[in-house]
Amino acid sequence: MDNILQQIGNYGFPMVISIYLLVRVEGKLESLSASITELAKVIEGLKEARYSG
């Protein structure tokens, strides 16, 4: 039991920081994904306008 508590003490801080950073990055990745999807739609619209005109 003492060994488990010692391991939690040794690795707890890096785990907390890692989880915090992953949560922050997740939101930014979702925003980036939405932007890429919107950009793809705009590019597709420009392609259609170019070939139809």
N, C-alpha and C. Protein backbone atom coordinates (compact mmCIF):
# COMPACT_ATOMS: atom_id res chain seq x y z
N MET A 1 0.83 -1.20 0.00
CA MET A 1 0.00 0.00 0.00
C MET A 1 0.87 1.26 0.00
N ASP A 2 1.94 1.23 0.78
CA ASP A 2 2.83 2.40 0.83
C ASP A 2 3.46 2.66 -0.53
N ASN A 3 3.78 1.58 -1.23
CA ASN A 3 4.38 1.72 -2.56
C ASN A 3 3.41 2.41 -3.53
N ILE A 4 2.14 2.04 -3.44
CA ILE A 4 1.13 2.66 -4.31
C ILE A 4 1.00 4.14 -4.01
N LEU A 5 0.95 4.51 -2.74
CA LEU A 5 0.85 5.92 -2.36
C LEU A 5 2.08 6.70 -2.80
N GLN A 6 3.23 6.07 -2.70
CA GLN A 6 4.46 6.72 -3.12
C GLN A 6 4.44 6.97 -4.64
N GLN A 7 3.95 5.99 -5.40
CA GLN A 7 3.87 6.14 -6.84
C GLN A 7 2.89 7.25 -7.22
N ILE A 8 1.78 7.34 -6.53
CA ILE A 8 0.81 8.42 -6.78
C ILE A 8 1.45 9.77 -6.48
N GLY A 9 2.20 9.84 -5.40
CA GLY A 9 2.89 11.07 -5.05
C GLY A 9 3.93 11.46 -6.08
N ASN A 10 4.63 10.48 -6.61
CA ASN A 10 5.68 10.75 -7.59
C ASN A 10 5.11 11.14 -8.95
N TYR A 11 4.04 10.51 -9.36
CA TYR A 11 3.51 10.71 -10.70
C TYR A 11 2.22 11.52 -10.73
N GLY A 12 1.70 11.89 -9.60
CA GLY A 12 0.42 12.62 -9.55
C GLY A 12 0.48 13.97 -10.23
N PHE A 13 1.51 14.76 -9.94
CA PHE A 13 1.61 16.09 -10.52
C PHE A 13 1.72 16.04 -12.04
N PRO A 14 2.59 15.23 -12.62
CA PRO A 14 2.64 15.17 -14.09
C PRO A 14 1.32 14.70 -14.70
N MET A 15 0.63 13.79 -14.03
CA MET A 15 -0.66 13.32 -14.55
C MET A 15 -1.68 14.45 -14.55
N VAL A 16 -1.72 15.22 -13.48
CA VAL A 16 -2.67 16.34 -13.40
C VAL A 16 -2.38 17.37 -14.48
N ILE A 17 -1.11 17.71 -14.66
CA ILE A 17 -0.74 18.68 -15.69
C ILE A 17 -1.10 18.14 -17.07
N SER A 18 -0.83 16.87 -17.32
CA SER A 18 -1.14 16.27 -18.62
C SER A 18 -2.63 16.31 -18.90
N ILE A 19 -3.44 15.97 -17.93
CA ILE A 19 -4.89 15.99 -18.10
C ILE A 19 -5.37 17.41 -18.37
N TYR A 20 -4.84 18.37 -17.63
CA TYR A 20 -5.22 19.77 -17.81
C TYR A 20 -4.90 20.23 -19.23
N LEU A 21 -3.70 19.92 -19.70
CA LEU A 21 -3.30 20.33 -21.04
C LEU A 21 -4.13 19.63 -22.11
N LEU A 22 -4.44 18.36 -21.92
CA LEU A 22 -5.26 17.64 -22.89
C LEU A 22 -6.65 18.24 -23.01
N VAL A 23 -7.22 18.64 -21.88
CA VAL A 23 -8.55 19.25 -21.89
C VAL A 23 -8.51 20.58 -22.64
N ARG A 24 -7.46 21.38 -22.41
CA ARG A 24 -7.34 22.67 -23.10
C ARG A 24 -7.14 22.47 -24.59
N VAL A 25 -6.31 21.54 -24.96
CA VAL A 25 -6.01 21.31 -26.38
C VAL A 25 -7.23 20.75 -27.10
N GLU A 26 -8.04 19.96 -26.41
CA GLU A 26 -9.22 19.37 -27.04
C GLU A 26 -10.14 20.44 -27.60
N GLY A 27 -10.38 21.48 -26.84
CA GLY A 27 -11.24 22.57 -27.31
C GLY A 27 -10.67 23.27 -28.52
N LYS A 28 -9.37 23.47 -28.51
CA LYS A 28 -8.74 24.12 -29.65
C LYS A 28 -8.78 23.22 -30.88
N LEU A 29 -8.64 21.93 -30.69
CA LEU A 29 -8.71 21.00 -31.82
C LEU A 29 -10.11 20.98 -32.43
N GLU A 30 -11.13 21.05 -31.61
CA GLU A 30 -12.50 21.09 -32.11
C GLU A 30 -12.72 22.36 -32.94
N SER A 31 -12.21 23.47 -32.46
CA SER A 31 -12.33 24.73 -33.19
C SER A 31 -11.57 24.67 -34.51
N LEU A 32 -10.40 24.10 -34.49
CA LEU A 32 -9.60 23.96 -35.71
C LEU A 32 -10.30 23.04 -36.71
N SER A 33 -10.88 21.98 -36.23
CA SER A 33 -11.61 21.06 -37.10
C SER A 33 -12.80 21.75 -37.77
N ALA A 34 -13.52 22.55 -37.01
CA ALA A 34 -14.66 23.30 -37.57
C ALA A 34 -14.18 24.29 -38.62
N SER A 35 -13.06 24.94 -38.38
CA SER A 35 -12.52 25.89 -39.34
C SER A 35 -12.10 25.19 -40.62
N ILE A 36 -11.48 24.03 -40.51
CA ILE A 36 -11.06 23.28 -41.69
C ILE A 36 -12.28 22.83 -42.50
N THR A 37 -13.33 22.41 -41.82
CA THR A 37 -14.55 22.01 -42.52
C THR A 37 -15.16 23.19 -43.27
N GLU A 38 -15.19 24.34 -42.63
CA GLU A 38 -15.72 25.54 -43.27
C GLU A 38 -14.86 25.93 -44.47
N LEU A 39 -13.57 25.84 -44.33
CA LEU A 39 -12.67 26.16 -45.44
C LEU A 39 -12.89 25.22 -46.62
N ALA A 40 -13.09 23.95 -46.34
CA ALA A 40 -13.35 22.98 -47.40
C ALA A 40 -14.64 23.34 -48.14
N LYS A 41 -15.67 23.79 -47.42
CA LYS A 41 -16.92 24.18 -48.06
C LYS A 41 -16.72 25.40 -48.96
N VAL A 42 -15.94 26.36 -48.49
CA VAL A 42 -15.68 27.57 -49.28
C VAL A 42 -14.90 27.20 -50.54
N ILE A 43 -13.91 26.37 -50.41
CA ILE A 43 -13.12 25.95 -51.58
C ILE A 43 -14.00 25.21 -52.58
N GLU A 44 -14.86 24.35 -52.09
CA GLU A 44 -15.78 23.62 -52.98
C GLU A 44 -16.70 24.60 -53.70
N GLY A 45 -17.19 25.61 -53.00
CA GLY A 45 -18.04 26.62 -53.62
C GLY A 45 -17.30 27.40 -54.68
N LEU A 46 -16.03 27.71 -54.43
CA LEU A 46 -15.23 28.42 -55.44
C LEU A 46 -14.98 27.55 -56.66
N LYS A 47 -14.77 26.27 -56.45
CA LYS A 47 -14.58 25.35 -57.59
C LYS A 47 -15.84 25.31 -58.46
N GLU A 48 -16.99 25.19 -57.81
CA GLU A 48 -18.26 25.13 -58.55
C GLU A 48 -18.50 26.41 -59.32
N ALA A 49 -18.19 27.55 -58.70
CA ALA A 49 -18.40 28.84 -59.37
C ALA A 49 -17.45 28.98 -60.56
N ARG A 50 -16.27 28.48 -60.44
CA ARG A 50 -15.29 28.58 -61.52
C ARG A 50 -15.70 27.73 -62.73
N TYR A 51 -16.18 26.51 -62.46
CA TYR A 51 -16.52 25.61 -63.55
C TYR A 51 -17.89 25.91 -64.15
N SER A 52 -18.76 26.54 -63.41
CA SER A 52 -20.08 26.85 -63.96
C SER A 52 -20.08 28.18 -64.72
N GLY A 53 -19.07 29.01 -64.47
CA GLY A 53 -19.05 30.33 -65.10
C GLY A 53 -18.12 30.42 -66.18
